[in-house]
Amino acid sequence: MRYSLNEEQQLLQDSAGRLLDLRSPVSAARALRDAADENGFSRELWSEVVKLGWSGILIPEALGGADLGYVAAGIIAEQCGRTLAALPFLSTAVTAVTALLQGGTTEQRQSILPRIAAGECLVALAIDEHPRHAPERISTSAVSERNGYRLSGQKIFVLDGNASDYLIVSARLTDPGPDAGGSTALFLVESARPGVEIERTLMIDSRNVADIHLTDVRLTDEHRLSPERAGRQLLESALDAGRALLAAELLGMARECLQRTTRYLCQRKQFGRRLAEFQALQHRLAHLFCEVELAASIAQAACVAIQDNHEDLRTLVSAAKAKCGEVAMLAADEALQMHGGIGMTDELDIGLFVKRIRSANETYGDVTYHRDRVATQYGF
């Protein structure tokens, strides 16, 4: 089922697409890669989109945001995928904001969210500790002390962690107590706090992630996100927001691969005919087009589910992440093959899409992870 965009959302889609075509084309992603930029994204471009309200797209107007919702955020994510725009949008404006909105204390929301909306700080979600996504496997410990907590452990693959001012860290409580909401808790930690060590890592798609080392980081009760809500549930809510937006980004990349491949087949000639005239290739393009449209439907449904807090939210989000990941990989593979293999050469941008798709597909759970998640929810 496809939902029609309203006039405001259509305007957002058009304006975001034009802006990114102008200010962040694929050539900009290539330039960031070649320059090995320490931030991994353009601070200048981020400042520009902050003025347009992208950083506060989920933040209530009372706290300085635009409050346009997850469907609008998905529209932006899809356009970012189309041009491979590298921005801290997913890490800060989506996952971190979701965690703070749903589980932050009043003081945390009032102090951090207006600064995010204004582009004055970045926040990253630090949750994974293993090579493959497994947010429930937490070894980082938060030892209860009289005046707060002592945090120790390591997090890996933290998106934009090297450029963030704050980290939202998942940890296992050693002494949960009756009000802890289970054994998992989330903490808002300053990146510059004593005991926090950040090591930058470059991924295959040249995006920045970070390994975070936490050694006896002293925290007070004010650093913990609201204990009234179970930490595990809050973590899954933030991750599901990120998964839905990653699905939208993967959709944008799939669409762009399809469009670039179609243009190439219409231009390239073989045996005196354009490649697009060969029926076998037409069938492959038609199949890919149908798959992209199916992915678009489920990606949009996932964003609507989060926005409406639908009872099947988790199923729809995992279905979207799995389907969009699968279709994006199909689009990348077809692009490579129908470009005659030259798509993997560095001169062509197709190779950049292939690498970003592979990385985004693994982030917050790959196709297999989310198929298993859906099966588990249905009792299989």
Protein backbone atom coordinates (compact mmCIF):
# COMPACT_ATOMS: atom_id res chain seq x y z
CA MET A 1 0.00 0.00 0.00
CA ARG A 2 1.34 3.42 -0.95
CA TYR A 3 0.44 6.57 0.95
CA SER A 4 0.07 9.76 -1.04
CA LEU A 5 2.31 12.57 0.11
CA ASN A 6 0.50 15.71 1.17
CA GLU A 7 1.41 19.08 -0.32
CA GLU A 8 3.89 19.91 2.43
CA GLN A 9 5.66 16.56 2.08
CA GLN A 10 5.77 16.88 -1.72
CA LEU A 11 7.37 20.31 -1.39
CA LEU A 12 9.90 18.87 1.06
CA GLN A 13 10.76 16.07 -1.36
CA ASP A 14 11.24 18.49 -4.26
CA SER A 15 13.27 21.03 -2.27
CA ALA A 16 15.48 18.37 -0.63
CA GLY A 17 16.17 16.77 -4.00
CA ARG A 18 17.11 20.08 -5.62
CA LEU A 19 19.31 21.12 -2.71
CA LEU A 20 21.25 17.86 -2.63
CA ASP A 21 21.63 17.82 -6.42
CA LEU A 22 23.15 21.28 -6.19
CA ARG A 23 25.11 21.18 -2.93
CA SER A 24 25.85 17.48 -2.42
CA PRO A 25 26.00 15.58 -5.70
CA VAL A 26 27.79 12.23 -5.85
CA SER A 27 30.97 14.11 -6.78
CA ALA A 28 30.90 15.68 -3.29
CA ALA A 29 30.89 12.20 -1.71
CA ARG A 30 33.85 11.30 -3.87
CA ALA A 31 35.66 14.48 -2.79
CA LEU A 32 35.04 13.71 0.89
CA ARG A 33 36.45 10.23 0.38
CA ASP A 34 39.55 11.47 -1.42
CA ALA A 35 40.18 14.18 1.19
CA ALA A 36 39.76 11.70 4.08
CA ASP A 37 37.84 14.47 5.85
CA GLU A 38 38.16 14.18 9.63
CA ASN A 39 34.43 14.77 10.14
CA GLY A 40 33.30 12.48 7.34
CA PHE A 41 30.76 15.06 6.25
CA SER A 42 30.63 18.72 5.24
CA ARG A 43 30.09 20.98 8.25
CA GLU A 44 29.12 23.72 5.82
CA LEU A 45 26.38 21.60 4.25
CA TRP A 46 25.14 20.48 7.66
CA SER A 47 24.83 24.13 8.75
CA GLU A 48 22.87 24.82 5.59
CA VAL A 49 20.34 22.02 6.13
CA VAL A 50 20.05 22.91 9.82
CA LYS A 51 18.65 26.27 8.70
CA LEU A 52 16.06 24.36 6.67
CA GLY A 53 14.97 22.46 9.77
CA TRP A 54 16.40 19.04 8.95
CA SER A 55 18.20 18.66 12.28
CA GLY A 56 14.97 19.36 14.16
CA ILE A 57 12.59 17.51 11.89
CA LEU A 58 11.41 15.27 14.76
CA ILE A 59 11.80 17.83 17.55
CA PRO A 60 8.67 19.61 18.87
CA GLU A 61 8.27 23.26 17.92
CA ALA A 62 8.31 24.20 21.61
CA LEU A 63 11.92 22.98 21.73
CA GLY A 64 12.99 24.72 18.54
CA GLY A 65 12.25 21.96 16.05
CA ALA A 66 10.09 21.61 12.95
CA ASP A 67 8.10 18.59 14.23
CA LEU A 68 7.35 17.23 10.74
CA GLY A 69 7.44 13.56 11.72
CA TYR A 70 9.02 10.34 10.50
CA VAL A 71 7.45 10.34 7.05
CA ALA A 72 9.13 13.68 6.33
CA ALA A 73 12.39 12.34 7.80
CA GLY A 74 12.11 9.34 5.47
CA ILE A 75 11.70 11.66 2.49
CA ILE A 76 14.97 13.38 3.38
CA ALA A 77 16.76 10.07 3.96
CA GLU A 78 15.70 8.80 0.54
CA GLN A 79 17.04 11.93 -1.14
CA CYS A 80 20.31 11.59 0.80
CA GLY A 81 20.61 8.04 -0.53
CA ARG A 82 20.02 9.21 -4.08
CA THR A 83 23.09 11.50 -4.00
CA LEU A 84 25.13 9.59 -1.35
CA ALA A 85 24.97 12.69 0.85
CA ALA A 86 27.03 12.17 4.00
CA LEU A 87 25.36 13.97 6.91
CA PRO A 88 24.89 13.24 10.65
CA PHE A 89 21.16 13.17 9.97
CA LEU A 90 20.55 9.52 10.89
CA SER A 91 22.76 9.50 13.96
CA THR A 92 21.73 12.82 15.51
CA ALA A 93 18.39 13.97 14.05
CA VAL A 94 16.78 10.50 14.07
CA THR A 95 18.15 7.87 16.47
CA ALA A 96 19.46 10.22 19.16
CA VAL A 97 16.43 12.50 19.02
CA THR A 98 14.07 9.51 19.20
CA ALA A 99 15.85 8.20 22.29
CA LEU A 100 15.74 11.59 23.98
CA LEU A 101 12.12 12.26 23.06
CA GLN A 102 10.92 8.89 24.31
CA GLY A 103 13.22 8.36 27.26
CA GLY A 104 15.07 11.54 28.10
CA THR A 105 14.36 13.34 31.33
CA THR A 106 12.75 16.78 31.19
CA GLU A 107 16.13 18.37 31.88
CA GLN A 108 17.85 16.34 29.15
CA ARG A 109 15.22 17.16 26.55
CA GLN A 110 15.20 20.85 27.38
CA SER A 111 18.98 21.17 27.39
CA ILE A 112 19.94 18.98 24.41
CA LEU A 113 17.08 19.02 21.90
CA PRO A 114 17.10 22.79 21.24
CA ARG A 115 20.84 22.60 20.66
CA ILE A 116 20.40 19.75 18.18
CA ALA A 117 17.70 21.69 16.35
CA ALA A 118 20.00 24.71 16.18
CA GLY A 119 22.92 22.64 14.92
CA GLU A 120 24.98 23.40 18.00
CA CYS A 121 25.73 19.79 18.94
CA LEU A 122 25.78 16.25 17.56
CA VAL A 123 24.74 13.11 19.42
CA ALA A 124 25.56 9.51 18.49
CA LEU A 125 24.03 6.20 19.57
CA ALA A 126 26.70 3.83 20.94
CA ILE A 127 25.19 0.36 21.21
CA ASP A 128 27.01 -2.39 19.27
CA GLU A 129 29.90 -4.35 20.77
CA HIS A 130 30.27 -7.17 18.24
CA PRO A 131 31.19 -7.39 14.53
CA ARG A 132 27.56 -8.11 13.63
CA HIS A 133 24.58 -6.14 14.92
CA ALA A 134 23.49 -7.57 18.28
CA PRO A 135 22.18 -4.75 20.51
CA GLU A 136 20.94 -7.20 23.14
CA ARG A 137 24.47 -8.54 23.75
CA ILE A 138 25.78 -5.91 26.15
CA SER A 139 29.00 -6.30 28.10
CA THR A 140 29.47 -2.62 28.96
CA SER A 141 28.69 -2.30 32.65
CA ALA A 142 27.19 0.48 34.72
CA VAL A 143 28.16 -0.18 38.32
CA SER A 144 25.79 1.48 40.78
CA GLU A 145 27.52 3.73 43.28
CA ARG A 146 26.27 5.97 46.01
CA ASN A 147 26.52 9.10 43.87
CA GLY A 148 25.64 7.58 40.51
CA TYR A 149 27.29 5.06 38.19
CA ARG A 150 30.70 3.94 36.96
CA LEU A 151 30.65 3.06 33.24
CA SER A 152 33.17 0.69 31.64
CA GLY A 153 33.26 -1.14 28.32
CA GLN A 154 33.70 -0.74 24.58
CA LYS A 155 31.37 0.17 21.70
CA ILE A 156 32.17 -0.26 18.01
CA PHE A 157 30.75 1.02 14.71
CA VAL A 158 29.34 4.15 16.34
CA LEU A 159 27.93 6.25 13.49
CA ASP A 160 29.48 9.74 13.52
CA GLY A 161 30.89 8.97 16.95
CA ASN A 162 34.15 10.72 16.14
CA ALA A 163 32.38 14.03 15.46
CA SER A 164 29.73 13.90 18.19
CA ASP A 165 29.55 16.03 21.31
CA TYR A 166 27.47 13.48 23.22
CA LEU A 167 27.02 9.72 23.18
CA ILE A 168 23.94 7.73 24.17
CA VAL A 169 25.49 4.56 25.58
CA SER A 170 23.73 1.30 26.36
CA ALA A 171 24.99 -0.53 29.43
CA ARG A 172 24.05 -3.42 31.67
CA LEU A 173 23.25 -2.47 35.25
CA THR A 174 25.05 -4.55 37.83
CA ASP A 175 22.39 -3.83 40.44
CA PRO A 176 19.17 -2.94 38.55
CA GLY A 177 16.88 -2.40 41.55
CA PRO A 178 13.10 -2.37 41.43
CA ASP A 179 12.80 0.76 39.24
CA ALA A 180 15.48 0.00 36.67
CA GLY A 181 13.12 -1.35 34.02
CA GLY A 182 15.22 -4.44 33.41
CA SER A 183 18.98 -4.89 33.18
CA THR A 184 19.64 -2.43 30.35
CA ALA A 185 19.99 1.33 30.76
CA LEU A 186 20.93 4.21 28.46
CA PHE A 187 23.21 7.04 29.50
CA LEU A 188 23.83 10.45 27.94
CA VAL A 189 27.61 10.91 28.12
CA GLU A 190 29.72 13.88 27.06
CA SER A 191 32.32 12.80 24.50
CA ALA A 192 34.96 14.87 26.30
CA ARG A 193 34.21 13.34 29.70
CA PRO A 194 37.22 11.79 31.50
CA GLY A 195 37.51 8.09 30.75
CA VAL A 196 35.99 8.34 27.26
CA GLU A 197 38.39 7.52 24.42
CA ILE A 198 37.26 7.80 20.79
CA GLU A 199 39.06 6.09 17.91
CA ARG A 200 37.99 6.95 14.37
CA THR A 201 37.49 4.13 11.85
CA LEU A 202 36.84 4.37 8.11
CA MET A 203 34.32 2.00 6.57
CA ILE A 204 34.28 0.54 3.06
CA ASP A 205 31.97 3.37 1.99
CA SER A 206 34.43 5.95 3.43
CA ARG A 207 31.92 7.01 6.08
CA ASN A 208 33.21 7.69 9.57
CA VAL A 209 32.41 5.45 12.50
CA ALA A 210 34.17 5.25 15.83
CA ASP A 211 35.26 2.75 18.42
CA ILE A 212 34.45 4.06 21.89
CA HIS A 213 36.48 2.95 24.91
CA LEU A 214 34.92 3.65 28.31
CA THR A 215 37.13 3.31 31.36
CA ASP A 216 35.60 4.02 34.77
CA VAL A 217 33.53 6.92 33.45
CA ARG A 218 31.89 8.57 36.46
CA LEU A 219 28.26 9.51 35.90
CA THR A 220 25.50 10.93 38.07
CA ASP A 221 21.81 10.03 38.06
CA GLU A 222 21.25 13.00 35.75
CA HIS A 223 23.14 11.21 32.97
CA ARG A 224 20.75 8.28 32.85
CA LEU A 225 17.82 8.42 30.47
CA SER A 226 14.47 8.09 32.17
CA PRO A 227 14.34 4.93 34.35
CA GLU A 228 10.53 4.93 34.11
CA ARG A 229 10.78 3.24 30.73
CA ALA A 230 12.57 -0.07 30.20
CA GLY A 231 16.02 0.55 28.76
CA ARG A 232 15.75 -2.34 26.33
CA GLN A 233 12.43 -1.08 24.98
CA LEU A 234 13.77 2.45 24.63
CA LEU A 235 16.85 1.19 22.80
CA GLU A 236 14.71 -0.78 20.34
CA SER A 237 12.54 2.29 19.67
CA ALA A 238 15.58 4.38 18.79
CA LEU A 239 17.02 1.60 16.64
CA ASP A 240 13.72 1.06 14.82
CA ALA A 241 13.65 4.74 13.90
CA GLY A 242 17.16 4.38 12.49
CA ARG A 243 16.26 1.17 10.65
CA ALA A 244 13.23 2.76 8.99
CA LEU A 245 15.31 5.73 7.84
CA LEU A 246 18.09 3.43 6.60
CA ALA A 247 15.46 1.56 4.59
CA ALA A 248 14.47 4.88 3.01
CA GLU A 249 18.12 5.69 2.26
CA LEU A 250 18.62 2.26 0.68
CA LEU A 251 15.52 2.89 -1.42
CA GLY A 252 17.01 6.15 -2.66
CA MET A 253 20.20 4.38 -3.69
CA ALA A 254 18.25 1.62 -5.43
CA ARG A 255 16.25 4.18 -7.41
CA GLU A 256 19.41 5.99 -8.46
CA CYS A 257 21.13 2.77 -9.55
CA LEU A 258 18.06 1.90 -11.64
CA GLN A 259 17.95 5.34 -13.25
CA ARG A 260 21.68 5.42 -14.01
CA THR A 261 21.55 1.93 -15.50
CA THR A 262 18.53 2.80 -17.64
CA ARG A 263 20.29 5.89 -19.01
CA TYR A 264 23.41 3.88 -19.77
CA LEU A 265 21.46 1.20 -21.67
CA CYS A 266 19.69 3.89 -23.69
CA GLN A 267 23.04 5.40 -24.72
CA ARG A 268 25.38 2.44 -25.12
CA LYS A 269 25.33 0.64 -28.46
CA GLN A 270 26.33 -2.93 -29.23
CA PHE A 271 25.99 -4.74 -32.57
CA GLY A 272 24.55 -1.55 -34.02
CA ARG A 273 21.70 -1.33 -31.51
CA ARG A 274 21.21 0.42 -28.18
CA LEU A 275 21.43 -2.02 -25.30
CA ALA A 276 17.98 -0.93 -24.14
CA GLU A 277 16.53 -2.52 -27.29
CA PHE A 278 17.54 -6.02 -26.22
CA GLN A 279 14.53 -7.77 -24.73
CA ALA A 280 16.47 -9.73 -22.13
CA LEU A 281 17.81 -6.49 -20.63
CA GLN A 282 14.35 -4.91 -20.80
CA HIS A 283 12.99 -7.78 -18.73
CA ARG A 284 15.70 -7.32 -16.11
CA LEU A 285 15.02 -3.60 -15.89
CA ALA A 286 11.26 -4.20 -15.62
CA HIS A 287 11.82 -6.71 -12.82
CA LEU A 288 14.08 -4.27 -10.97
CA PHE A 289 11.57 -1.45 -11.42
CA CYS A 290 8.82 -3.57 -9.83
CA GLU A 291 11.08 -4.52 -6.94
CA VAL A 292 11.97 -0.88 -6.29
CA GLU A 293 8.28 0.08 -6.23
CA LEU A 294 7.55 -2.73 -3.75
CA ALA A 295 10.42 -1.52 -1.58
CA ALA A 296 9.06 2.03 -1.74
CA SER A 297 5.71 0.86 -0.40
CA ILE A 298 7.14 -0.95 2.61
CA ALA A 299 9.67 1.80 3.37
CA GLN A 300 6.90 4.36 3.49
CA ALA A 301 4.69 2.05 5.56
CA ALA A 302 7.47 1.68 8.14
CA CYS A 303 7.81 5.45 8.55
CA VAL A 304 4.03 5.80 8.88
CA ALA A 305 3.98 3.00 11.47
CA ILE A 306 6.56 4.76 13.63
CA GLN A 307 4.79 8.08 13.29
CA ASP A 308 1.44 6.54 14.27
CA ASN A 309 2.92 4.10 16.81
CA HIS A 310 1.25 1.25 14.96
CA GLU A 311 0.87 -2.07 16.78
CA ASP A 312 2.81 -3.84 13.98
CA LEU A 313 5.60 -1.27 14.07
CA ARG A 314 8.45 -3.71 14.66
CA THR A 315 7.28 -6.11 11.95
CA LEU A 316 6.90 -3.33 9.39
CA VAL A 317 10.28 -1.78 10.24
CA SER A 318 12.13 -5.09 9.95
CA ALA A 319 10.27 -5.97 6.75
CA ALA A 320 11.26 -2.58 5.32
CA LYS A 321 14.92 -2.87 6.31
CA ALA A 322 15.13 -6.40 4.89
CA LYS A 323 13.27 -5.66 1.66
CA CYS A 324 15.02 -2.37 0.92
CA GLY A 325 18.40 -3.92 1.69
CA GLU A 326 17.67 -6.84 -0.61
CA VAL A 327 16.40 -4.60 -3.44
CA ALA A 328 19.28 -2.14 -3.11
CA MET A 329 21.79 -4.99 -3.41
CA LEU A 330 19.91 -6.31 -6.44
CA ALA A 331 19.95 -2.83 -8.01
CA ALA A 332 23.69 -2.49 -7.37
CA ASP A 333 24.46 -5.93 -8.79
CA GLU A 334 22.32 -5.32 -11.88
CA ALA A 335 23.97 -1.94 -12.38
CA LEU A 336 27.40 -3.54 -12.28
CA GLN A 337 26.48 -6.30 -14.71
CA MET A 338 24.61 -4.12 -17.18
CA HIS A 339 27.46 -1.63 -17.18
CA GLY A 340 29.58 -4.52 -18.39
CA GLY A 341 31.56 -4.70 -15.16
CA ILE A 342 33.09 -1.23 -15.62
CA GLY A 343 30.84 0.01 -12.82
CA MET A 344 33.42 -1.19 -10.33
CA THR A 345 36.12 1.03 -11.79
CA ASP A 346 36.78 4.11 -9.72
CA GLU A 347 35.97 6.41 -12.61
CA LEU A 348 32.29 5.44 -12.49
CA ASP A 349 30.05 6.40 -9.59
CA ILE A 350 28.26 3.03 -9.55
CA GLY A 351 31.05 1.58 -7.44
CA LEU A 352 30.42 4.25 -4.78
CA PHE A 353 26.78 3.19 -4.60
CA VAL A 354 27.76 -0.48 -4.30
CA LYS A 355 29.99 0.23 -1.32
CA ARG A 356 27.49 2.46 0.47
CA ILE A 357 24.68 -0.06 -0.08
CA ARG A 358 26.79 -2.87 1.38
CA SER A 359 27.61 -0.77 4.44
CA ALA A 360 24.09 0.58 4.99
CA ASN A 361 22.66 -2.91 4.63
CA GLU A 362 24.77 -4.14 7.54
CA THR A 363 24.03 -1.16 9.78
CA TYR A 364 21.45 -1.90 12.50
CA GLY A 365 20.90 -5.40 11.13
CA ASP A 366 21.21 -6.94 7.68
CA VAL A 367 18.59 -8.79 5.62
CA THR A 368 19.04 -12.06 7.52
CA TYR A 369 18.84 -10.34 10.91
CA HIS A 370 15.53 -8.69 10.10
CA ARG A 371 14.00 -11.75 8.44
CA ASP A 372 14.77 -13.65 11.62
CA ARG A 373 13.31 -10.82 13.70
CA VAL A 374 10.04 -10.95 11.76
CA ALA A 375 9.91 -14.76 11.99
CA THR A 376 10.48 -14.60 15.75
CA GLN A 377 7.66 -12.09 16.17
CA TYR A 378 5.34 -14.54 14.42
CA GLY A 379 6.46 -17.42 16.60
CA PHE A 380 8.71 -19.27 14.18
